[in-house]
Amino acid sequence: MTDNKTPSDTSEKQDKTAKQIMSERQAAQDKSAKDPAKPTTSQSPSQSSGKTKPNWSLRALMVLIIFLFGVGADLYFLPKISDRLPIVAQWIGSDHTPDVVHLRQDIQDLKNRLAQQTQALETLKNATAAQNSRLTALEQRPGGEDAAMAYPDILARVENLEKARLLADTPPQNTTEDKAQAARIDMLMGRMSQLESSFIPLSKGLADAQTARLERRELIEANATQNAKLTQLDSRLQHVENYAARDTSGALLAFRIGALRHQISSGQAFADELSDVSNLTEKGSFTFNSGLSDSLGWLSQHQDGIPSAASVTENFDALIPVLIRNADHHADDPWWKRAYHSVTGLIMIRKTTPEGAVSLDQQVSAIQKHLAHGALSEAVTLSRELPQNLQPLLVDWQSQAQTRLQAEQEIARLTRLAASYYLTDTPKDPATETPDVPTGQKLSEETSS
């Protein structure tokens, strides 16, 4: 017979089996929660039967080995332990403790000292016995010659002492010589006292001599100081005499030279001022000075007036348009070119600050700058560097500038001659020639009366 099971029956059985399994698991969990000491899983018989019994023989062997190791360590460290613990030393019968060692050393020292004292006592006993024997022998021997024979050294010493006492008690035989020596000593003592008494005024004289020597030194020093002051006063007096010996016309001459300089600088006529200077130099000590004569001679030729620095500058400014217009003119140019330049020169435009290469405008500007700063000599030098076709136009202006420079040079020479004679410490001979001031150099010093 075959069981005819439907699918519904099979599913019901599976559901029942699953529910049983779930209920069993839930019951087991509840039981383990209530009794946690008991293991949740049962031990299998194989595990219960796998426990081994303790090996007592191995344990005994380990204990024996440990005991032997401890005994060996104790034997090795026993001396140190006995030194630290006296009771251990008593147990093992050891006498190497520090206290025992010290006691033994003390006992040995006491024994050595006792032996030394015993030996010393024996020596004293022997010496005492010898003395007793000698005393006994002396008591038994009779006196007289026997005693002398017994102690010959003592008897010799006693005889020597008696002879020395007899010699001391005997009066000396050379009393005359001693008296002579005493007289000489007394004479020497008297002379010594005389010398000492004579030293007293001598010491006073030495003190006075020392004081005099100090005073003499002070006088010598004071004399040297006075001589130095006299020398200084002499030099100052000589200096004053030199100034006083100079020509008294120097102050007036300096004043006249200053007036002449003013007239020349302003460009006015200076005939009167030049005449005054000439009169002063003819009467004074400058008569034989050739340099002064030359300067006065040149100034007399231009006494109507010399162009001033301002007029020289104005004349050059007036020449600038002419120089610009004639910069490109040449003597061999054809007529049409000269006519063209004449027409184009009616209007002139010039750069006052030219740039680039050296040009006519730049050279003219440099000359103007030198004139503005008063460097007339440099301006004349630059004017000679302008093109050759412009040099004829500059002849008159250069002549005026040279005249102005020469006038400055001559007036500077006059001022220098007067200053070198009247304003120096050591006066020079006014007739001595002095070098001229270079052309164009300005003399900045002012003469004082």
Protein backbone atom coordinates (compact mmCIF):
# COMPACT_ATOMS: atom_id res chain seq x y z
CA MET A 1 0.00 0.00 0.00
CA THR A 2 1.23 3.38 -0.76
CA ASP A 3 0.60 6.40 1.43
CA ASN A 4 -1.14 9.08 -0.48
CA LYS A 5 -0.02 12.32 1.23
CA THR A 6 -1.21 15.56 0.05
CA PRO A 7 0.92 18.67 -0.05
CA SER A 8 -1.12 20.21 2.72
CA ASP A 9 -0.26 17.39 5.10
CA THR A 10 3.43 17.72 4.33
CA SER A 11 3.43 21.43 5.02
CA GLU A 12 1.59 20.93 8.30
CA LYS A 13 4.23 18.43 9.47
CA GLN A 14 7.04 20.81 8.55
CA ASP A 15 5.34 23.66 10.42
CA LYS A 16 4.92 21.42 13.48
CA THR A 17 8.54 20.36 13.38
CA ALA A 18 9.75 23.98 13.11
CA LYS A 19 7.56 25.02 16.02
CA GLN A 20 8.95 22.19 18.15
CA ILE A 21 12.49 23.18 17.35
CA MET A 22 11.81 26.82 18.20
CA SER A 23 10.12 25.85 21.50
CA GLU A 24 13.02 23.57 22.45
CA ARG A 25 15.55 26.30 21.76
CA GLN A 26 13.54 28.82 23.79
CA ALA A 27 13.35 26.38 26.73
CA ALA A 28 17.09 25.75 26.59
CA GLN A 29 17.84 29.48 26.61
CA ASP A 30 15.55 30.04 29.60
CA LYS A 31 17.20 27.18 31.49
CA SER A 32 20.72 28.52 30.82
CA ALA A 33 19.65 31.98 32.00
CA LYS A 34 18.31 30.54 35.29
CA ASP A 35 21.39 28.31 36.04
CA PRO A 36 24.53 30.08 34.59
CA ALA A 37 27.02 27.92 36.62
CA LYS A 38 26.14 24.87 34.64
CA PRO A 39 27.57 24.71 31.16
CA THR A 40 25.11 24.92 28.38
CA THR A 41 26.77 22.18 26.46
CA SER A 42 27.28 18.73 27.83
CA GLN A 43 30.72 17.30 28.02
CA SER A 44 31.36 14.39 25.81
CA PRO A 45 32.68 11.15 27.23
CA SER A 46 35.84 11.49 25.20
CA GLN A 47 36.67 14.82 26.89
CA SER A 48 35.99 13.46 30.39
CA SER A 49 38.25 10.57 29.79
CA GLY A 50 41.10 12.86 28.44
CA LYS A 51 42.22 14.26 31.93
CA THR A 52 45.82 13.28 32.91
CA LYS A 53 46.95 12.39 36.41
CA PRO A 54 49.60 14.59 38.15
CA ASN A 55 53.27 13.54 37.62
CA TRP A 56 54.57 13.48 41.19
CA SER A 57 58.00 12.16 40.27
CA LEU A 58 58.69 15.15 38.01
CA ARG A 59 57.57 17.54 40.68
CA ALA A 60 59.84 15.90 43.25
CA LEU A 61 62.78 16.13 40.85
CA MET A 62 62.17 19.87 40.35
CA VAL A 63 62.03 20.44 44.12
CA LEU A 64 65.30 18.51 44.54
CA ILE A 65 67.03 20.57 41.83
CA ILE A 66 65.86 23.83 43.42
CA PHE A 67 67.10 22.64 46.83
CA LEU A 68 70.50 21.73 45.45
CA PHE A 69 70.79 25.09 43.70
CA GLY A 70 69.95 26.90 46.94
CA VAL A 71 72.51 24.86 48.88
CA GLY A 72 75.21 25.66 46.35
CA ALA A 73 74.36 29.36 46.47
CA ASP A 74 74.49 29.31 50.26
CA LEU A 75 77.89 27.64 50.22
CA TYR A 76 79.19 30.18 47.71
CA PHE A 77 77.96 33.23 49.60
CA LEU A 78 78.52 31.75 53.09
CA PRO A 79 81.68 33.83 53.91
CA LYS A 80 79.91 37.09 53.12
CA ILE A 81 76.85 36.03 55.05
CA SER A 82 78.97 35.05 58.06
CA ASP A 83 80.63 38.50 57.95
CA ARG A 84 77.24 40.15 58.05
CA LEU A 85 75.59 37.77 60.56
CA PRO A 86 77.76 36.74 63.55
CA ILE A 87 75.26 34.04 64.51
CA VAL A 88 75.96 32.24 61.23
CA ALA A 89 79.67 32.45 61.96
CA GLN A 90 79.03 30.80 65.33
CA TRP A 91 77.03 28.05 63.68
CA ILE A 92 79.73 27.28 61.13
CA GLY A 93 82.56 27.87 63.62
CA SER A 94 84.18 30.65 61.55
CA ASP A 95 86.46 33.23 63.12
CA HIS A 96 86.87 35.58 60.18
CA THR A 97 84.48 38.22 61.42
CA PRO A 98 85.84 41.78 61.63
CA ASP A 99 85.51 41.92 65.42
CA VAL A 100 87.44 38.69 65.91
CA VAL A 101 90.18 39.87 63.54
CA HIS A 102 90.56 43.15 65.43
CA LEU A 103 90.62 41.31 68.75
CA ARG A 104 93.35 39.00 67.50
CA GLN A 105 95.42 41.96 66.29
CA ASP A 106 95.02 43.72 69.66
CA ILE A 107 96.04 40.55 71.51
CA GLN A 108 99.12 40.16 69.30
CA ASP A 109 100.09 43.81 69.91
CA LEU A 110 99.72 43.33 73.65
CA LYS A 111 101.89 40.23 73.50
CA ASN A 112 104.60 42.11 71.59
CA ARG A 113 104.56 45.00 74.07
CA LEU A 114 104.68 42.56 76.98
CA ALA A 115 107.70 40.85 75.43
CA GLN A 116 109.46 44.22 74.98
CA GLN A 117 108.73 45.21 78.57
CA THR A 118 109.99 41.85 79.79
CA GLN A 119 113.21 42.35 77.83
CA ALA A 120 113.60 45.86 79.28
CA LEU A 121 113.11 44.49 82.79
CA GLU A 122 115.76 41.88 82.18
CA THR A 123 118.16 44.59 80.99
CA LEU A 124 117.48 46.69 84.09
CA LYS A 125 117.96 43.67 86.30
CA ASN A 126 121.33 42.95 84.66
CA ALA A 127 122.42 46.61 85.06
CA THR A 128 121.34 46.60 88.71
CA ALA A 129 123.26 43.41 89.33
CA ALA A 130 126.38 44.91 87.71
CA GLN A 131 126.13 48.05 89.85
CA ASN A 132 125.64 45.97 92.96
CA SER A 133 128.66 43.88 92.08
CA ARG A 134 130.78 47.02 91.53
CA LEU A 135 129.65 48.50 94.84
CA THR A 136 130.44 45.28 96.57
CA ALA A 137 133.90 45.27 95.00
CA LEU A 138 134.51 48.85 96.12
CA GLU A 139 133.48 48.09 99.64
CA GLN A 140 135.79 45.09 99.77
CA ARG A 141 138.88 46.89 98.32
CA PRO A 142 141.18 48.95 100.63
CA GLY A 143 141.91 52.73 100.03
CA GLY A 144 145.17 54.48 98.93
CA GLU A 145 147.13 53.33 95.96
CA ASP A 146 144.72 50.53 95.24
CA ALA A 147 141.90 53.07 94.71
CA ALA A 148 144.10 55.23 92.51
CA MET A 149 145.02 52.24 90.44
CA ALA A 150 141.36 51.35 90.19
CA TYR A 151 140.22 54.78 88.83
CA PRO A 152 143.14 56.47 86.96
CA ASP A 153 140.90 58.59 84.66
CA ILE A 154 139.05 60.19 87.56
CA LEU A 155 142.31 61.11 89.28
CA ALA A 156 143.67 62.70 86.06
CA ARG A 157 140.61 64.88 85.69
CA VAL A 158 140.82 66.01 89.32
CA GLU A 159 144.49 67.01 88.87
CA ASN A 160 143.66 69.05 85.77
CA LEU A 161 140.97 70.93 87.66
CA GLU A 162 143.34 71.75 90.51
CA LYS A 163 146.01 73.08 88.11
CA ALA A 164 143.47 75.32 86.38
CA ARG A 165 142.37 76.79 89.73
CA LEU A 166 145.99 77.47 90.71
CA LEU A 167 146.64 79.25 87.40
CA ALA A 168 143.57 81.40 87.92
CA ASP A 169 144.64 82.40 91.43
CA THR A 170 148.22 83.29 90.33
CA PRO A 171 148.54 87.08 89.49
CA PRO A 172 149.68 87.92 85.90
CA GLN A 173 153.29 88.95 85.30
CA ASN A 174 152.73 91.39 82.33
CA THR A 175 150.91 94.14 84.25
CA THR A 176 153.01 96.87 82.58
CA GLU A 177 151.77 95.94 79.11
CA ASP A 178 148.19 95.85 80.35
CA LYS A 179 148.52 99.35 81.81
CA ALA A 180 149.93 100.66 78.51
CA GLN A 181 147.03 99.12 76.61
CA ALA A 182 144.56 100.65 79.06
CA ALA A 183 146.17 104.08 78.62
CA ARG A 184 145.93 103.82 74.85
CA ILE A 185 142.31 102.78 75.12
CA ASP A 186 141.56 105.78 77.33
CA MET A 187 143.30 108.09 74.85
CA LEU A 188 141.29 106.65 71.98
CA MET A 189 138.07 107.08 73.90
CA GLY A 190 138.95 110.73 74.57
CA ARG A 191 139.65 111.37 70.92
CA MET A 192 136.39 109.65 70.00
CA SER A 193 134.46 111.93 72.35
CA GLN A 194 136.19 114.96 70.80
CA LEU A 195 135.24 113.81 67.33
CA GLU A 196 131.65 113.29 68.42
CA SER A 197 131.52 116.78 69.88
CA SER A 198 132.97 118.24 66.66
CA PHE A 199 130.35 116.44 64.56
CA ILE A 200 127.55 118.49 66.11
CA PRO A 201 128.42 121.85 64.42
CA LEU A 202 129.45 119.96 61.29
CA SER A 203 125.99 118.40 61.02
CA LYS A 204 124.45 121.83 61.39
CA GLY A 205 126.69 123.06 58.59
CA LEU A 206 125.59 120.17 56.38
CA ALA A 207 121.92 121.01 56.98
CA ASP A 208 122.59 124.64 56.09
CA ALA A 209 124.47 123.55 52.96
CA GLN A 210 121.53 121.37 51.90
CA THR A 211 119.12 124.27 52.38
CA ALA A 212 121.43 126.56 50.40
CA ARG A 213 121.66 124.00 47.62
CA LEU A 214 117.86 123.83 47.36
CA GLU A 215 117.60 127.61 47.33
CA ARG A 216 120.26 127.81 44.63
CA ARG A 217 118.33 125.30 42.49
CA GLU A 218 115.15 127.34 42.90
CA LEU A 219 117.02 130.50 41.94
CA ILE A 220 118.44 128.80 38.84
CA GLU A 221 114.96 127.68 37.78
CA ALA A 222 113.52 131.13 38.41
CA ASN A 223 116.39 132.67 36.42
CA ALA A 224 115.73 130.31 33.50
CA THR A 225 112.03 131.25 33.57
CA GLN A 226 112.87 134.95 33.60
CA ASN A 227 115.30 134.48 30.71
CA ALA A 228 112.61 132.72 28.69
CA LYS A 229 110.16 135.54 29.39
CA LEU A 230 112.80 138.13 28.46
CA THR A 231 113.48 136.29 25.20
CA GLN A 232 109.77 136.25 24.41
CA LEU A 233 109.42 139.93 25.22
CA ASP A 234 112.47 140.69 23.07
CA SER A 235 110.97 138.85 20.10
CA ARG A 236 107.64 140.62 20.54
CA LEU A 237 109.38 143.98 20.83
CA GLN A 238 111.39 143.23 17.70
CA HIS A 239 108.14 142.33 15.94
CA VAL A 240 106.58 145.64 16.98
CA GLU A 241 109.70 147.54 15.93
CA ASN A 242 109.59 145.87 12.52
CA TYR A 243 106.01 147.00 12.02
CA ALA A 244 106.85 150.47 13.27
CA ALA A 245 109.82 150.68 10.92
CA ARG A 246 107.63 150.14 7.89
CA ASP A 247 106.50 152.97 5.66
CA THR A 248 103.52 154.77 7.23
CA SER A 249 102.09 155.47 3.80
CA GLY A 250 100.92 151.86 3.50
CA ALA A 251 97.48 152.43 5.01
CA LEU A 252 96.75 155.37 2.71
CA LEU A 253 98.10 153.41 -0.25
CA ALA A 254 95.76 150.51 0.51
CA PHE A 255 92.82 152.92 0.66
CA ARG A 256 93.73 154.48 -2.68
CA ILE A 257 94.15 151.07 -4.29
CA GLY A 258 90.67 150.12 -3.06
CA ALA A 259 89.19 153.25 -4.63
CA LEU A 260 91.03 152.50 -7.87
CA ARG A 261 89.64 148.96 -7.86
CA HIS A 262 86.11 150.28 -7.42
CA GLN A 263 86.44 152.65 -10.38
CA ILE A 264 87.87 149.92 -12.62
CA SER A 265 85.13 147.45 -11.63
CA SER A 266 82.38 149.96 -12.38
CA GLY A 267 83.86 150.84 -15.79
CA GLN A 268 84.29 154.55 -14.98
CA ALA A 269 87.29 156.81 -15.52
CA PHE A 270 89.95 156.50 -12.84
CA ALA A 271 92.48 159.21 -13.71
CA ASP A 272 92.26 160.90 -10.29
CA GLU A 273 92.52 157.66 -8.33
CA LEU A 274 95.46 156.52 -10.45
CA SER A 275 97.19 159.86 -9.89
CA ASP A 276 96.76 159.50 -6.11
CA VAL A 277 98.24 155.99 -6.14
CA SER A 278 101.17 157.15 -8.30
CA ASN A 279 101.92 160.03 -5.95
CA LEU A 280 101.93 157.73 -2.90
CA THR A 281 104.23 155.20 -4.53
CA GLU A 282 106.65 157.89 -5.70
CA LYS A 283 107.04 159.23 -2.15
CA GLY A 284 107.11 155.88 -0.41
CA SER A 285 109.41 152.89 -0.48
CA PHE A 286 107.79 151.39 -3.59
CA THR A 287 109.65 153.78 -5.91
CA PHE A 288 112.11 151.14 -7.12
CA ASN A 289 109.57 148.35 -7.68
CA SER A 290 109.53 147.64 -11.41
CA GLY A 291 106.35 145.56 -11.23
CA LEU A 292 104.46 148.39 -9.59
CA SER A 293 105.76 150.83 -12.21
CA ASP A 294 104.63 148.58 -15.06
CA SER A 295 101.14 148.21 -13.58
CA LEU A 296 100.75 151.95 -13.11
CA GLY A 297 102.02 152.60 -16.65
CA TRP A 298 99.51 150.20 -18.21
CA LEU A 299 96.61 151.61 -16.17
CA SER A 300 97.57 155.17 -17.18
CA GLN A 301 97.04 154.18 -20.82
CA HIS A 302 93.42 153.19 -20.04
CA GLN A 303 92.58 155.83 -17.44
CA ASP A 304 89.53 156.98 -19.43
CA GLY A 305 87.74 153.81 -18.40
CA ILE A 306 87.80 150.05 -18.85
CA PRO A 307 84.73 148.04 -19.90
CA SER A 308 83.02 146.54 -16.89
CA ALA A 309 82.08 142.87 -16.62
CA ALA A 310 78.42 143.71 -17.17
CA SER A 311 79.18 145.65 -20.36
CA VAL A 312 81.32 142.78 -21.67
CA THR A 313 78.43 140.37 -21.08
CA GLU A 314 75.92 142.71 -22.76
CA ASN A 315 78.18 143.13 -25.78
CA PHE A 316 78.44 139.36 -26.20
CA ASP A 317 74.65 138.98 -25.92
CA ALA A 318 74.29 141.58 -28.68
CA LEU A 319 76.70 139.56 -30.85
CA ILE A 320 74.74 136.32 -30.55
CA PRO A 321 72.19 137.04 -33.37
CA VAL A 322 75.00 138.14 -35.66
CA LEU A 323 76.93 134.96 -34.89
CA ILE A 324 73.91 132.74 -35.57
CA ARG A 325 73.10 134.47 -38.88
CA ASN A 326 76.69 134.31 -40.09
CA ALA A 327 77.34 130.75 -38.93
CA ASP A 328 76.76 129.32 -42.43
CA HIS A 329 78.26 132.25 -44.38
CA HIS A 330 81.54 131.76 -46.17
CA ALA A 331 83.59 134.20 -48.23
CA ASP A 332 83.43 132.03 -51.37
CA ASP A 333 79.62 131.54 -51.31
CA PRO A 334 77.74 132.61 -54.52
CA TRP A 335 75.44 135.65 -54.51
CA TRP A 336 72.24 133.64 -54.49
CA LYS A 337 73.34 131.70 -51.40
CA ARG A 338 74.25 134.89 -49.57
CA ALA A 339 70.85 136.35 -50.52
CA TYR A 340 69.08 133.21 -49.27
CA HIS A 341 70.90 133.34 -45.95
CA SER A 342 70.04 137.03 -45.62
CA VAL A 343 66.35 136.31 -46.08
CA THR A 344 66.33 133.28 -43.75
CA GLY A 345 68.29 135.21 -41.13
CA LEU A 346 65.50 137.71 -40.66
CA ILE A 347 63.84 135.23 -38.28
CA MET A 348 66.16 133.49 -35.80
CA ILE A 349 65.22 130.62 -33.46
CA ARG A 350 67.95 129.31 -31.15
CA LYS A 351 67.92 126.62 -28.47
CA THR A 352 69.19 127.95 -25.17
CA THR A 353 69.76 124.40 -23.87
CA PRO A 354 70.98 122.45 -26.91
CA GLU A 355 71.35 118.69 -26.70
CA GLY A 356 73.31 116.13 -28.63
CA ALA A 357 76.64 116.81 -30.30
CA VAL A 358 78.62 120.01 -29.87
CA SER A 359 77.01 122.76 -31.91
CA LEU A 360 77.17 126.53 -32.21
CA ASP A 361 74.17 126.96 -29.92
CA GLN A 362 75.81 124.79 -27.30
CA GLN A 363 79.09 126.72 -27.49
CA VAL A 364 77.31 130.07 -27.23
CA SER A 365 75.29 128.84 -24.23
CA ALA A 366 78.51 127.70 -22.51
CA ILE A 367 80.09 131.14 -23.07
CA GLN A 368 77.00 132.82 -21.60
CA LYS A 369 77.14 130.52 -18.57
CA HIS A 370 80.79 131.42 -17.91
CA LEU A 371 80.03 135.11 -18.25
CA ALA A 372 77.14 134.79 -15.81
CA HIS A 373 79.47 133.19 -13.26
CA GLY A 374 82.18 135.82 -13.78
CA ALA A 375 84.65 133.43 -15.46
CA LEU A 376 85.71 135.85 -18.18
CA SER A 377 88.95 134.02 -18.99
CA GLU A 378 87.11 130.75 -19.70
CA ALA A 379 84.58 132.60 -21.84
CA VAL A 380 87.36 134.13 -23.97
CA THR A 381 88.98 130.71 -24.34
CA LEU A 382 85.68 129.18 -25.56
CA SER A 383 85.10 132.08 -27.96
CA ARG A 384 88.37 131.23 -29.72
CA GLU A 385 86.98 127.72 -30.36
CA LEU A 386 84.06 129.04 -32.45
CA PRO A 387 84.20 128.54 -36.24
CA GLN A 388 86.86 130.51 -38.10
CA ASN A 389 84.32 132.43 -40.20
CA LEU A 390 82.95 133.98 -36.95
CA GLN A 391 86.30 135.05 -35.50
CA PRO A 392 86.37 138.46 -37.32
CA LEU A 393 83.06 139.29 -35.64
CA LEU A 394 84.54 138.52 -32.21
CA VAL A 395 87.73 140.59 -32.52
CA ASP A 396 86.32 143.72 -30.84
CA TRP A 397 84.62 141.79 -28.07
CA GLN A 398 87.73 139.70 -27.38
CA SER A 399 89.79 142.90 -27.22
CA GLN A 400 87.40 144.36 -24.64
CA ALA A 401 87.53 141.14 -22.62
CA GLN A 402 91.35 141.04 -22.76
CA THR A 403 91.50 144.65 -21.58
CA ARG A 404 89.19 143.79 -18.72
CA LEU A 405 91.31 140.77 -17.78
CA GLN A 406 94.54 142.77 -17.95
CA ALA A 407 93.05 145.48 -15.73
CA GLU A 408 92.07 142.88 -13.14
CA GLN A 409 95.57 141.44 -13.30
CA GLU A 410 97.25 144.83 -12.76
CA ILE A 411 95.03 145.87 -9.87
CA ALA A 412 95.59 142.44 -8.30
CA ARG A 413 99.34 142.96 -8.60
CA LEU A 414 99.10 146.31 -6.82
CA THR A 415 97.01 144.81 -4.04
CA ARG A 416 99.35 141.85 -3.65
CA LEU A 417 102.44 144.04 -3.37
CA ALA A 418 100.86 146.17 -0.67
CA ALA A 419 99.53 143.16 1.25
CA SER A 420 102.82 141.25 1.06
CA TYR A 421 104.63 144.19 2.61
CA TYR A 422 102.16 145.42 5.21
CA LEU A 423 100.21 142.29 6.21
CA THR A 424 102.97 139.69 6.71
CA ASP A 425 105.00 138.94 9.84
CA THR A 426 108.34 139.32 8.07
CA PRO A 427 108.37 142.36 5.78
CA LYS A 428 109.76 141.84 2.32
CA ASP A 429 111.70 144.28 0.27
CA PRO A 430 109.08 146.17 -1.81
CA ALA A 431 111.58 146.46 -4.63
CA THR A 432 111.64 142.67 -4.97
CA GLU A 433 109.85 141.37 -8.03
CA THR A 434 106.81 139.15 -7.35
CA PRO A 435 105.14 136.82 -9.86
CA ASP A 436 102.06 138.10 -11.62
CA VAL A 437 98.59 136.75 -11.01
CA PRO A 438 97.46 134.47 -13.86
CA THR A 439 95.17 136.06 -16.43
CA GLY A 440 91.51 136.16 -15.36
CA GLN A 441 92.17 135.26 -11.71
CA LYS A 442 90.09 137.28 -9.25
CA LEU A 443 91.60 138.52 -6.06
CA SER A 444 89.16 137.89 -3.22
CA GLU A 445 91.12 139.51 -0.44
CA GLU A 446 90.14 143.03 0.57
CA THR A 447 92.71 145.57 1.65
CA SER A 448 92.34 147.03 5.13
CA SER A 449 93.75 150.22 6.51
